[in-house]
Amino acid sequence: MLLALTLVSFVAIGLAFVFARASLFHQQRKGQIPVSVNYFFTRQCNKSCGFCFHTAKTSHMEDISRAKRGLELLQKAGMKKINFAGGEPFLYPKFLGELVNYCKEDLHLESVSIITNGSLVREDWVRQHAKNLDILACSCDSFDEDTNIQIGRGTGNQVEILYRIAEWCRESEIKFKLNTVVTRLNYEEDMNEHIDILNPFRWKVFQVLIVEGENDSDKTLRDARKFTITDEQFEVFCNKHNHHESFVAEPNRLMASSYLLVDEYMRFIDKDGNKLTKSILDVGVEAAMREIKWDEDAFQERGGVYDWTKEQGEGEACSNGMSEKLAW
């Protein structure tokens, strides 16, 4: 009798484990675990890129304590990586630095990254926060300053700034990343020489994206329609550059629903339908995520999980000893 009860107990425990794993898998497949999140804590920017899809429609920023609370909720829900974006996050370097430190030292996230246009990045800030920053990504849409100026990003020294930041990353053992938006202005450009020199650990190449209410008409702050390209034109750029090991292409079909985006009010953004959830500070992460479409298959297809934690102490987190070549 005792043996029978013991066997029943083992079976019950086994079934409970199987059902728990199945439930977790189902939850993951439904996009309920925010493994990687982009937090757009400000819409303000010092540039005017013509294709921007997160324009300065408000000047709101959460109080630092509320921002930390939202990040804690995301971490408890399963977030492993946070990327701080904007707008331009370096408009608020103290706020940004406090969040970077909090995410590493208090939340112990695997990866903390920033995407910036580079113009406001300062060497002392990089060195001060290097221990808590895994990835510093710079937007680079052209190595021709005239093209950068036409885009709305250029100031005459955009390329020089990029090389300087790459060197700071190398010296501080931060992974250096590039983001490029391919448009009508740059899809025929050959960037190979610069990519060889800069040697980013990851180079994200996006097809310019139209988002309703943000950059889709002459009534929005930006009108990206004049920048759009065909899938074939995007392929022209990709075929010219996809031999680089760091190259990761993202056509429109992969972009719209494969990112988990949190806006300045701590709301998830559904770019596919241009919808906003209630704030996770009010309803929690799980309830908010049920309101959006997150395409986990597309997330996996675009390589959403990768080597996003820097390797400490090896001196190779950025450019693999490219200091001489980086003297641009």
C-alpha atoms as a PDB file:
ATOM      1  CA  MET A   1       0.000   0.000   0.000  1.00  0.00           C
ATOM      2  CA  LEU A   2       2.785   2.378   0.951  1.00  0.00           C
ATOM      3  CA  LEU A   3       4.635   1.536  -2.256  1.00  0.00           C
ATOM      4  CA  ALA A   4       1.525   2.244  -4.311  1.00  0.00           C
ATOM      5  CA  LEU A   5       1.047   5.607  -2.613  1.00  0.00           C
ATOM      6  CA  THR A   6       4.699   6.471  -3.186  1.00  0.00           C
ATOM      7  CA  LEU A   7       4.392   5.621  -6.884  1.00  0.00           C
ATOM      8  CA  VAL A   8       1.250   7.711  -7.152  1.00  0.00           C
ATOM      9  CA  SER A   9       3.068  10.614  -5.498  1.00  0.00           C
ATOM     10  CA  PHE A  10       6.000  10.348  -7.912  1.00  0.00           C
ATOM     11  CA  VAL A  11       3.617  10.222 -10.868  1.00  0.00           C
ATOM     12  CA  ALA A  12       1.727  13.246  -9.559  1.00  0.00           C
ATOM     13  CA  ILE A  13       4.949  15.190  -9.092  1.00  0.00           C
ATOM     14  CA  GLY A  14       6.123  14.188 -12.555  1.00  0.00           C
ATOM     15  CA  LEU A  15       2.866  15.242 -14.163  1.00  0.00           C
ATOM     16  CA  ALA A  16       2.938  18.539 -12.275  1.00  0.00           C
ATOM     17  CA  PHE A  17       6.460  19.187 -13.594  1.00  0.00           C
ATOM     18  CA  VAL A  18       5.425  18.371 -17.167  1.00  0.00           C
ATOM     19  CA  PHE A  19       2.378  20.610 -16.965  1.00  0.00           C
ATOM     20  CA  ALA A  20       4.434  23.418 -15.454  1.00  0.00           C
ATOM     21  CA  ARG A  21       6.976  23.200 -18.259  1.00  0.00           C
ATOM     22  CA  ALA A  22       4.182  23.062 -20.823  1.00  0.00           C
ATOM     23  CA  SER A  23       2.550  26.097 -19.243  1.00  0.00           C
ATOM     24  CA  LEU A  24       5.839  28.007 -19.308  1.00  0.00           C
ATOM     25  CA  PHE A  25       6.421  27.043 -22.945  1.00  0.00           C
ATOM     26  CA  HIS A  26       2.892  28.152 -23.818  1.00  0.00           C
ATOM     27  CA  GLN A  27       3.491  31.422 -21.994  1.00  0.00           C
ATOM     28  CA  GLN A  28       6.722  31.961 -23.913  1.00  0.00           C
ATOM     29  CA  ARG A  29       5.080  31.191 -27.221  1.00  0.00           C
ATOM     30  CA  LYS A  30       2.355  33.721 -26.450  1.00  0.00           C
ATOM     31  CA  GLY A  31       5.007  36.376 -25.882  1.00  0.00           C
ATOM     32  CA  GLN A  32       4.449  36.795 -22.147  1.00  0.00           C
ATOM     33  CA  ILE A  33       8.127  36.809 -21.140  1.00  0.00           C
ATOM     34  CA  PRO A  34       9.784  40.138 -22.067  1.00  0.00           C
ATOM     35  CA  VAL A  35      13.294  38.764 -22.528  1.00  0.00           C
ATOM     36  CA  SER A  36      14.600  41.837 -24.357  1.00  0.00           C
ATOM     37  CA  VAL A  37      13.043  45.299 -24.036  1.00  0.00           C
ATOM     38  CA  ASN A  38      13.698  48.678 -25.653  1.00  0.00           C
ATOM     39  CA  TYR A  39      12.850  51.547 -23.285  1.00  0.00           C
ATOM     40  CA  PHE A  40      12.261  54.876 -25.042  1.00  0.00           C
ATOM     41  CA  PHE A  41      12.373  56.993 -21.877  1.00  0.00           C
ATOM     42  CA  THR A  42      12.324  60.266 -23.830  1.00  0.00           C
ATOM     43  CA  ARG A  43      11.065  61.428 -27.207  1.00  0.00           C
ATOM     44  CA  GLN A  44      13.244  64.532 -27.161  1.00  0.00           C
ATOM     45  CA  CYS A  45      16.164  64.644 -29.611  1.00  0.00           C
ATOM     46  CA  ASN A  46      18.794  67.066 -30.843  1.00  0.00           C
ATOM     47  CA  LYS A  47      18.564  65.727 -34.405  1.00  0.00           C
ATOM     48  CA  SER A  48      15.797  65.772 -36.995  1.00  0.00           C
ATOM     49  CA  CYS A  49      16.160  62.518 -38.927  1.00  0.00           C
ATOM     50  CA  GLY A  50      13.499  62.570 -41.619  1.00  0.00           C
ATOM     51  CA  PHE A  51      12.453  58.937 -41.171  1.00  0.00           C
ATOM     52  CA  CYS A  52      12.266  58.872 -37.337  1.00  0.00           C
ATOM     53  CA  PHE A  53       9.414  56.628 -36.126  1.00  0.00           C
ATOM     54  CA  HIS A  54       9.446  57.778 -32.471  1.00  0.00           C
ATOM     55  CA  THR A  55       9.051  61.515 -32.815  1.00  0.00           C
ATOM     56  CA  ALA A  56       9.007  64.258 -30.173  1.00  0.00           C
ATOM     57  CA  LYS A  57       5.236  64.407 -29.677  1.00  0.00           C
ATOM     58  CA  THR A  58       5.622  64.825 -25.896  1.00  0.00           C
ATOM     59  CA  SER A  59       8.309  66.002 -23.496  1.00  0.00           C
ATOM     60  CA  HIS A  60       7.292  63.579 -20.735  1.00  0.00           C
ATOM     61  CA  MET A  61       9.820  61.610 -18.740  1.00  0.00           C
ATOM     62  CA  GLU A  62       8.992  59.432 -15.771  1.00  0.00           C
ATOM     63  CA  ASP A  63      10.410  60.347 -12.395  1.00  0.00           C
ATOM     64  CA  ILE A  64      13.557  58.304 -11.772  1.00  0.00           C
ATOM     65  CA  SER A  65      11.882  56.307  -9.002  1.00  0.00           C
ATOM     66  CA  ARG A  66       8.949  55.382 -11.264  1.00  0.00           C
ATOM     67  CA  ALA A  67      11.328  54.479 -14.097  1.00  0.00           C
ATOM     68  CA  LYS A  68      13.224  52.170 -11.744  1.00  0.00           C
ATOM     69  CA  ARG A  69       9.975  50.613 -10.545  1.00  0.00           C
ATOM     70  CA  GLY A  70       8.955  49.880 -14.128  1.00  0.00           C
ATOM     71  CA  LEU A  71      12.325  48.306 -14.882  1.00  0.00           C
ATOM     72  CA  GLU A  72      12.033  46.180 -11.746  1.00  0.00           C
ATOM     73  CA  LEU A  73       8.609  44.943 -12.869  1.00  0.00           C
ATOM     74  CA  LEU A  74      10.052  44.011 -16.265  1.00  0.00           C
ATOM     75  CA  GLN A  75      12.979  42.193 -14.628  1.00  0.00           C
ATOM     76  CA  LYS A  76      10.643  40.215 -12.385  1.00  0.00           C
ATOM     77  CA  ALA A  77       8.605  39.291 -15.482  1.00  0.00           C
ATOM     78  CA  GLY A  78      11.709  37.804 -17.127  1.00  0.00           C
ATOM     79  CA  MET A  79      13.595  40.659 -18.794  1.00  0.00           C
ATOM     80  CA  LYS A  80      17.288  39.773 -19.356  1.00  0.00           C
ATOM     81  CA  LYS A  81      18.310  42.686 -21.601  1.00  0.00           C
ATOM     82  CA  ILE A  82      17.397  46.371 -21.587  1.00  0.00           C
ATOM     83  CA  ASN A  83      18.188  48.851 -24.351  1.00  0.00           C
ATOM     84  CA  PHE A  84      17.817  52.563 -23.590  1.00  0.00           C
ATOM     85  CA  ALA A  85      16.681  54.570 -26.589  1.00  0.00           C
ATOM     86  CA  GLY A  86      14.870  57.783 -27.471  1.00  0.00           C
ATOM     87  CA  GLY A  87      14.755  60.388 -28.808  1.00  0.00           C
ATOM     88  CA  GLU A  88      18.339  60.838 -27.748  1.00  0.00           C
ATOM     89  CA  PRO A  89      19.077  59.312 -24.318  1.00  0.00           C
ATOM     90  CA  PHE A  90      22.287  61.308 -23.847  1.00  0.00           C
ATOM     91  CA  LEU A  91      20.251  64.498 -23.580  1.00  0.00           C
ATOM     92  CA  TYR A  92      19.818  63.314 -19.982  1.00  0.00           C
ATOM     93  CA  PRO A  93      23.186  61.784 -19.058  1.00  0.00           C
ATOM     94  CA  LYS A  94      22.633  61.768 -15.268  1.00  0.00           C
ATOM     95  CA  PHE A  95      19.215  60.076 -15.588  1.00  0.00           C
ATOM     96  CA  LEU A  96      20.633  57.602 -18.112  1.00  0.00           C
ATOM     97  CA  GLY A  97      23.674  56.816 -15.979  1.00  0.00           C
ATOM     98  CA  GLU A  98      21.557  56.162 -12.891  1.00  0.00           C
ATOM     99  CA  LEU A  99      19.345  53.726 -14.816  1.00  0.00           C
ATOM    100  CA  VAL A 100      22.356  51.950 -16.342  1.00  0.00           C
ATOM    101  CA  ASN A 101      23.871  51.439 -12.891  1.00  0.00           C
ATOM    102  CA  TYR A 102      20.548  50.357 -11.394  1.00  0.00           C
ATOM    103  CA  CYS A 103      19.956  47.725 -14.071  1.00  0.00           C
ATOM    104  CA  LYS A 104      23.353  46.123 -13.510  1.00  0.00           C
ATOM    105  CA  GLU A 105      23.976  46.618  -9.806  1.00  0.00           C
ATOM    106  CA  ASP A 106      20.449  46.154  -8.452  1.00  0.00           C
ATOM    107  CA  LEU A 107      18.534  44.179 -11.096  1.00  0.00           C
ATOM    108  CA  HIS A 108      21.608  42.202 -12.253  1.00  0.00           C
ATOM    109  CA  LEU A 109      20.463  42.139 -15.887  1.00  0.00           C
ATOM    110  CA  GLU A 110      22.536  40.125 -18.333  1.00  0.00           C
ATOM    111  CA  SER A 111      22.820  43.019 -20.756  1.00  0.00           C
ATOM    112  CA  VAL A 112      22.486  46.795 -20.603  1.00  0.00           C
ATOM    113  CA  SER A 113      22.765  48.700 -23.860  1.00  0.00           C
ATOM    114  CA  ILE A 114      22.180  52.186 -25.278  1.00  0.00           C
ATOM    115  CA  ILE A 115      21.392  53.396 -28.781  1.00  0.00           C
ATOM    116  CA  THR A 116      22.540  56.953 -29.519  1.00  0.00           C
ATOM    117  CA  ASN A 117      23.199  59.301 -32.406  1.00  0.00           C
ATOM    118  CA  GLY A 118      26.596  59.841 -30.774  1.00  0.00           C
ATOM    119  CA  SER A 119      26.674  63.632 -30.779  1.00  0.00           C
ATOM    120  CA  LEU A 120      26.319  64.035 -27.005  1.00  0.00           C
ATOM    121  CA  VAL A 121      28.370  61.063 -25.808  1.00  0.00           C
ATOM    122  CA  ARG A 122      31.273  62.162 -23.622  1.00  0.00           C
ATOM    123  CA  GLU A 123      34.410  60.186 -22.840  1.00  0.00           C
ATOM    124  CA  ASP A 124      34.192  60.740 -19.081  1.00  0.00           C
ATOM    125  CA  TRP A 125      30.611  59.369 -19.046  1.00  0.00           C
ATOM    126  CA  VAL A 126      31.699  56.264 -20.956  1.00  0.00           C
ATOM    127  CA  ARG A 127      34.571  55.581 -18.588  1.00  0.00           C
ATOM    128  CA  GLN A 128      32.445  56.255 -15.489  1.00  0.00           C
ATOM    129  CA  HIS A 129      29.731  53.764 -16.506  1.00  0.00           C
ATOM    130  CA  ALA A 130      31.801  51.253 -18.476  1.00  0.00           C
ATOM    131  CA  LYS A 131      31.598  48.517 -15.835  1.00  0.00           C
ATOM    132  CA  ASN A 132      27.796  48.496 -16.047  1.00  0.00           C
ATOM    133  CA  LEU A 133      27.359  48.973 -19.794  1.00  0.00           C
ATOM    134  CA  ASP A 134      27.579  45.976 -22.107  1.00  0.00           C
ATOM    135  CA  ILE A 135      26.778  47.579 -25.462  1.00  0.00           C
ATOM    136  CA  LEU A 136      26.974  51.088 -26.859  1.00  0.00           C
ATOM    137  CA  ALA A 137      25.253  51.313 -30.244  1.00  0.00           C
ATOM    138  CA  CYS A 138      25.620  54.278 -32.576  1.00  0.00           C
ATOM    139  CA  SER A 139      23.277  55.183 -35.398  1.00  0.00           C
ATOM    140  CA  CYS A 140      25.233  55.487 -38.621  1.00  0.00           C
ATOM    141  CA  ASP A 141      23.227  55.882 -41.813  1.00  0.00           C
ATOM    142  CA  SER A 142      26.041  57.103 -44.032  1.00  0.00           C
ATOM    143  CA  PHE A 143      29.760  57.764 -44.082  1.00  0.00           C
ATOM    144  CA  ASP A 144      29.125  60.676 -46.449  1.00  0.00           C
ATOM    145  CA  GLU A 145      28.458  63.855 -44.447  1.00  0.00           C
ATOM    146  CA  ASP A 146      26.348  65.355 -47.228  1.00  0.00           C
ATOM    147  CA  THR A 147      24.027  62.352 -47.004  1.00  0.00           C
ATOM    148  CA  ASN A 148      23.890  62.630 -43.212  1.00  0.00           C
ATOM    149  CA  ILE A 149      22.915  66.282 -43.528  1.00  0.00           C
ATOM    150  CA  GLN A 150      20.159  65.404 -46.028  1.00  0.00           C
ATOM    151  CA  ILE A 151      18.852  62.790 -43.597  1.00  0.00           C
ATOM    152  CA  GLY A 152      18.779  65.343 -40.774  1.00  0.00           C
ATOM    153  CA  ARG A 153      21.497  63.744 -38.686  1.00  0.00           C
ATOM    154  CA  GLY A 154      24.678  65.358 -39.954  1.00  0.00           C
ATOM    155  CA  THR A 155      26.574  68.237 -38.372  1.00  0.00           C
ATOM    156  CA  GLY A 156      29.712  68.015 -40.483  1.00  0.00           C
ATOM    157  CA  ASN A 157      31.619  65.655 -38.179  1.00  0.00           C
ATOM    158  CA  GLN A 158      29.272  62.700 -37.673  1.00  0.00           C
ATOM    159  CA  VAL A 159      31.823  60.188 -38.971  1.00  0.00           C
ATOM    160  CA  GLU A 160      34.604  61.597 -36.814  1.00  0.00           C
ATOM    161  CA  ILE A 161      32.363  61.275 -33.743  1.00  0.00           C
ATOM    162  CA  LEU A 162      31.631  57.655 -34.629  1.00  0.00           C
ATOM    163  CA  TYR A 163      35.302  56.710 -34.800  1.00  0.00           C
ATOM    164  CA  ARG A 164      35.968  58.455 -31.502  1.00  0.00           C
ATOM    165  CA  ILE A 165      33.212  56.537 -29.714  1.00  0.00           C
ATOM    166  CA  ALA A 166      34.427  53.254 -31.184  1.00  0.00           C
ATOM    167  CA  GLU A 167      37.858  53.918 -29.679  1.00  0.00           C
ATOM    168  CA  TRP A 168      36.382  54.765 -26.267  1.00  0.00           C
ATOM    169  CA  CYS A 169      34.453  51.507 -26.353  1.00  0.00           C
ATOM    170  CA  ARG A 170      37.545  49.517 -27.218  1.00  0.00           C
ATOM    171  CA  GLU A 171      39.508  51.095 -24.378  1.00  0.00           C
ATOM    172  CA  SER A 172      36.654  50.600 -21.879  1.00  0.00           C
ATOM    173  CA  GLU A 173      35.836  47.033 -22.968  1.00  0.00           C
ATOM    174  CA  ILE A 174      32.306  47.913 -24.093  1.00  0.00           C
ATOM    175  CA  LYS A 175      30.835  46.148 -27.108  1.00  0.00           C
ATOM    176  CA  PHE A 176      30.553  48.608 -29.979  1.00  0.00           C
ATOM    177  CA  LYS A 177      27.531  48.249 -32.243  1.00  0.00           C
ATOM    178  CA  LEU A 178      26.278  50.048 -35.342  1.00  0.00           C
ATOM    179  CA  ASN A 179      22.687  50.635 -36.456  1.00  0.00           C
ATOM    180  CA  THR A 180      22.036  51.668 -40.058  1.00  0.00           C
ATOM    181  CA  VAL A 181      18.708  52.613 -41.620  1.00  0.00           C
ATOM    182  CA  VAL A 182      18.731  51.944 -45.361  1.00  0.00           C
ATOM    183  CA  THR A 183      16.849  54.579 -47.335  1.00  0.00           C
ATOM    184  CA  ARG A 184      16.596  56.028 -50.810  1.00  0.00           C
ATOM    185  CA  LEU A 185      19.617  58.200 -49.986  1.00  0.00           C
ATOM    186  CA  ASN A 186      22.082  55.471 -49.003  1.00  0.00           C
ATOM    187  CA  TYR A 187      20.981  52.095 -50.409  1.00  0.00           C
ATOM    188  CA  GLU A 188      23.689  52.261 -53.099  1.00  0.00           C
ATOM    189  CA  GLU A 189      26.465  53.401 -50.748  1.00  0.00           C
ATOM    190  CA  ASP A 190      29.484  51.149 -50.208  1.00  0.00           C
ATOM    191  CA  MET A 191      30.323  51.147 -46.485  1.00  0.00           C
ATOM    192  CA  ASN A 192      32.666  48.179 -46.524  1.00  0.00           C
ATOM    193  CA  GLU A 193      35.915  50.005 -45.894  1.00  0.00           C
ATOM    194  CA  HIS A 194      34.581  51.774 -42.806  1.00  0.00           C
ATOM    195  CA  ILE A 195      32.973  48.613 -41.446  1.00  0.00           C
ATOM    196  CA  ASP A 196      36.277  46.775 -41.844  1.00  0.00           C
ATOM    197  CA  ILE A 197      38.031  49.457 -39.812  1.00  0.00           C
ATOM    198  CA  LEU A 198      35.389  49.984 -37.127  1.00  0.00           C
ATOM    199  CA  ASN A 199      34.804  46.223 -36.802  1.00  0.00           C
ATOM    200  CA  PRO A 200      31.572  46.403 -34.758  1.00  0.00           C
ATOM    201  CA  PHE A 201      30.615  43.224 -32.945  1.00  0.00           C
ATOM    202  CA  ARG A 202      27.112  43.646 -34.398  1.00  0.00           C
ATOM    203  CA  TRP A 203      25.840  45.738 -37.323  1.00  0.00           C
ATOM    204  CA  LYS A 204      22.060  46.036 -37.523  1.00  0.00           C
ATOM    205  CA  VAL A 205      20.787  47.092 -40.936  1.00  0.00           C
ATOM    206  CA  PHE A 206      17.129  48.192 -41.068  1.00  0.00           C
ATOM    207  CA  GLN A 207      14.849  48.869 -44.000  1.00  0.00           C
ATOM    208  CA  VAL A 208      13.288  52.293 -43.387  1.00  0.00           C
ATOM    209  CA  LEU A 209       9.927  51.758 -41.674  1.00  0.00           C
ATOM    210  CA  ILE A 210       6.677  53.724 -41.977  1.00  0.00           C
ATOM    211  CA  VAL A 211       4.681  53.902 -38.732  1.00  0.00           C
ATOM    212  CA  GLU A 212       1.174  55.290 -38.714  1.00  0.00           C
ATOM    213  CA  GLY A 213       0.873  58.527 -36.784  1.00  0.00           C
ATOM    214  CA  GLU A 214       4.626  58.990 -36.452  1.00  0.00           C
ATOM    215  CA  ASN A 215       6.198  59.415 -39.904  1.00  0.00           C
ATOM    216  CA  ASP A 216       3.545  58.540 -42.490  1.00  0.00           C
ATOM    217  CA  SER A 217       2.225  61.861 -43.812  1.00  0.00           C
ATOM    218  CA  ASP A 218       2.735  65.591 -44.148  1.00  0.00           C
ATOM    219  CA  LYS A 219       0.642  65.992 -40.996  1.00  0.00           C
ATOM    220  CA  THR A 220       3.119  64.108 -38.759  1.00  0.00           C
ATOM    221  CA  LEU A 221       6.316  65.577 -37.318  1.00  0.00           C
ATOM    222  CA  ARG A 222       8.311  63.447 -39.773  1.00  0.00           C
ATOM    223  CA  ASP A 223       7.338  62.246 -43.227  1.00  0.00           C
ATOM    224  CA  ALA A 224       9.429  59.216 -44.155  1.00  0.00           C
ATOM    225  CA  ARG A 225       7.628  58.489 -47.420  1.00  0.00           C
ATOM    226  CA  LYS A 226      10.338  60.226 -49.445  1.00  0.00           C
ATOM    227  CA  PHE A 227      12.937  57.904 -47.883  1.00  0.00           C
ATOM    228  CA  THR A 228      11.209  54.574 -48.539  1.00  0.00           C
ATOM    229  CA  ILE A 229      12.761  51.870 -50.706  1.00  0.00           C
ATOM    230  CA  THR A 230      11.578  48.649 -52.278  1.00  0.00           C
ATOM    231  CA  ASP A 231      12.527  45.234 -50.961  1.00  0.00           C
ATOM    232  CA  GLU A 232      14.745  44.871 -54.031  1.00  0.00           C
ATOM    233  CA  GLN A 233      16.599  48.093 -53.223  1.00  0.00           C
ATOM    234  CA  PHE A 234      17.104  46.903 -49.652  1.00  0.00           C
ATOM    235  CA  GLU A 235      18.580  43.702 -51.088  1.00  0.00           C
ATOM    236  CA  VAL A 236      21.031  45.779 -53.161  1.00  0.00           C
ATOM    237  CA  PHE A 237      22.488  47.183 -49.946  1.00  0.00           C
ATOM    238  CA  CYS A 238      22.422  43.833 -48.149  1.00  0.00           C
ATOM    239  CA  ASN A 239      24.127  41.947 -50.963  1.00  0.00           C
ATOM    240  CA  LYS A 240      26.930  44.495 -50.959  1.00  0.00           C
ATOM    241  CA  HIS A 241      27.606  44.146 -47.233  1.00  0.00           C
ATOM    242  CA  ASN A 242      26.321  40.823 -45.913  1.00  0.00           C
ATOM    243  CA  HIS A 243      29.751  39.178 -46.000  1.00  0.00           C
ATOM    244  CA  HIS A 244      30.601  40.925 -42.726  1.00  0.00           C
ATOM    245  CA  GLU A 245      30.298  38.557 -39.791  1.00  0.00           C
ATOM    246  CA  SER A 246      28.590  41.291 -37.752  1.00  0.00           C
ATOM    247  CA  PHE A 247      25.912  41.953 -40.386  1.00  0.00           C
ATOM    248  CA  VAL A 248      22.252  41.458 -39.342  1.00  0.00           C
ATOM    249  CA  ALA A 249      19.553  42.536 -41.815  1.00  0.00           C
ATOM    250  CA  GLU A 250      16.049  43.523 -40.741  1.00  0.00           C
ATOM    251  CA  PRO A 251      13.534  44.070 -43.542  1.00  0.00           C
ATOM    252  CA  ASN A 252      10.147  45.574 -42.692  1.00  0.00           C
ATOM    253  CA  ARG A 253       8.490  42.179 -42.327  1.00  0.00           C
ATOM    254  CA  LEU A 254      10.700  41.386 -39.304  1.00  0.00           C
ATOM    255  CA  MET A 255      10.648  44.764 -37.605  1.00  0.00           C
ATOM    256  CA  ALA A 256       7.086  45.839 -36.864  1.00  0.00           C
ATOM    257  CA  SER A 257       6.044  43.139 -34.370  1.00  0.00           C
ATOM    258  CA  SER A 258       9.328  41.559 -33.284  1.00  0.00           C
ATOM    259  CA  TYR A 259      10.361  44.222 -30.752  1.00  0.00           C
ATOM    260  CA  LEU A 260       9.061  44.856 -27.260  1.00  0.00           C
ATOM    261  CA  LEU A 261       8.990  48.636 -27.021  1.00  0.00           C
ATOM    262  CA  VAL A 262       8.195  50.600 -23.875  1.00  0.00           C
ATOM    263  CA  ASP A 263       7.479  54.320 -24.214  1.00  0.00           C
ATOM    264  CA  GLU A 264       8.069  57.314 -21.959  1.00  0.00           C
ATOM    265  CA  TYR A 265       4.894  56.536 -19.960  1.00  0.00           C
ATOM    266  CA  MET A 266       5.970  52.914 -19.412  1.00  0.00           C
ATOM    267  CA  ARG A 267       3.431  51.636 -21.948  1.00  0.00           C
ATOM    268  CA  PHE A 268       4.110  48.887 -24.484  1.00  0.00           C
ATOM    269  CA  ILE A 269       3.952  50.115 -28.080  1.00  0.00           C
ATOM    270  CA  ASP A 270       2.401  47.907 -30.744  1.00  0.00           C
ATOM    271  CA  LYS A 271       4.005  49.229 -33.930  1.00  0.00           C
ATOM    272  CA  ASP A 272       2.095  46.751 -36.046  1.00  0.00           C
ATOM    273  CA  GLY A 273      -1.186  48.378 -35.127  1.00  0.00           C
ATOM    274  CA  ASN A 274       0.128  51.635 -33.663  1.00  0.00           C
ATOM    275  CA  LYS A 275      -1.516  50.887 -30.321  1.00  0.00           C
ATOM    276  CA  LEU A 276      -0.473  51.697 -26.772  1.00  0.00           C
ATOM    277  CA  THR A 277      -1.194  49.590 -23.701  1.00  0.00           C
ATOM    278  CA  LYS A 278      -1.926  50.842 -20.223  1.00  0.00           C
ATOM    279  CA  SER A 279       1.190  51.622 -18.207  1.00  0.00           C
ATOM    280  CA  ILE A 280       2.885  48.630 -16.661  1.00  0.00           C
ATOM    281  CA  LEU A 281       3.112  50.756 -13.512  1.00  0.00           C
ATOM    282  CA  ASP A 282      -0.683  50.624 -13.321  1.00  0.00           C
ATOM    283  CA  VAL A 283      -1.623  47.167 -14.629  1.00  0.00           C
ATOM    284  CA  GLY A 284       1.591  45.135 -14.467  1.00  0.00           C
ATOM    285  CA  VAL A 285       3.685  43.598 -17.234  1.00  0.00           C
ATOM    286  CA  GLU A 286       1.638  40.492 -17.958  1.00  0.00           C
ATOM    287  CA  ALA A 287      -1.658  42.365 -18.340  1.00  0.00           C
ATOM    288  CA  ALA A 288      -0.058  45.007 -20.555  1.00  0.00           C
ATOM    289  CA  MET A 289       1.572  42.412 -22.819  1.00  0.00           C
ATOM    290  CA  ARG A 290      -1.761  40.743 -23.436  1.00  0.00           C
ATOM    291  CA  GLU A 291      -2.833  43.946 -25.203  1.00  0.00           C
ATOM    292  CA  ILE A 292      -0.132  43.851 -27.885  1.00  0.00           C
ATOM    293  CA  LYS A 293       1.057  41.598 -30.655  1.00  0.00           C
ATOM    294  CA  TRP A 294       4.608  40.349 -30.158  1.00  0.00           C
ATOM    295  CA  ASP A 295       5.838  38.024 -32.879  1.00  0.00           C
ATOM    296  CA  GLU A 296       8.268  35.774 -31.034  1.00  0.00           C
ATOM    297  CA  ASP A 297       9.060  33.803 -34.194  1.00  0.00           C
ATOM    298  CA  ALA A 298      10.161  37.012 -35.930  1.00  0.00           C
ATOM    299  CA  PHE A 299      12.107  37.936 -32.787  1.00  0.00           C
ATOM    300  CA  GLN A 300      14.008  34.660 -33.033  1.00  0.00           C
ATOM    301  CA  GLU A 301      14.441  34.952 -36.817  1.00  0.00           C
ATOM    302  CA  ARG A 302      16.118  38.340 -36.538  1.00  0.00           C
ATOM    303  CA  GLY A 303      18.505  36.992 -33.890  1.00  0.00           C
ATOM    304  CA  GLY A 304      16.843  38.720 -30.954  1.00  0.00           C
ATOM    305  CA  VAL A 305      18.925  36.708 -28.483  1.00  0.00           C
ATOM    306  CA  TYR A 306      22.669  36.921 -29.105  1.00  0.00           C
ATOM    307  CA  ASP A 307      25.997  37.389 -27.299  1.00  0.00           C
ATOM    308  CA  TRP A 308      24.798  40.508 -25.507  1.00  0.00           C
ATOM    309  CA  THR A 309      26.929  40.317 -22.343  1.00  0.00           C
ATOM    310  CA  LYS A 310      30.400  41.761 -22.647  1.00  0.00           C
ATOM    311  CA  GLU A 311      33.402  39.626 -21.800  1.00  0.00           C
ATOM    312  CA  GLN A 312      35.203  41.222 -18.904  1.00  0.00           C
ATOM    313  CA  GLY A 313      38.948  41.457 -18.757  1.00  0.00           C
ATOM    314  CA  GLU A 314      39.795  40.221 -22.229  1.00  0.00           C
ATOM    315  CA  GLY A 315      40.219  43.609 -23.854  1.00  0.00           C
ATOM    316  CA  GLU A 316      38.246  42.528 -26.900  1.00  0.00           C
ATOM    317  CA  ALA A 317      34.738  43.755 -26.142  1.00  0.00           C
ATOM    318  CA  CYS A 318      34.809  46.368 -28.835  1.00  0.00           C
ATOM    319  CA  SER A 319      37.127  46.201 -31.773  1.00  0.00           C
ATOM    320  CA  ASN A 320      39.613  43.396 -31.309  1.00  0.00           C
ATOM    321  CA  GLY A 321      42.727  45.550 -31.158  1.00  0.00           C
ATOM    322  CA  MET A 322      41.764  47.989 -33.906  1.00  0.00           C
ATOM    323  CA  SER A 323      43.128  51.102 -32.167  1.00  0.00           C
ATOM    324  CA  GLU A 324      45.597  52.001 -34.918  1.00  0.00           C
ATOM    325  CA  LYS A 325      42.990  51.700 -37.654  1.00  0.00           C
ATOM    326  CA  LEU A 326      40.510  53.802 -35.648  1.00  0.00           C
ATOM    327  CA  ALA A 327      42.691  56.893 -35.984  1.00  0.00           C
ATOM    328  CA  TRP A 328      40.337  58.423 -38.541  1.00  0.00           C
END
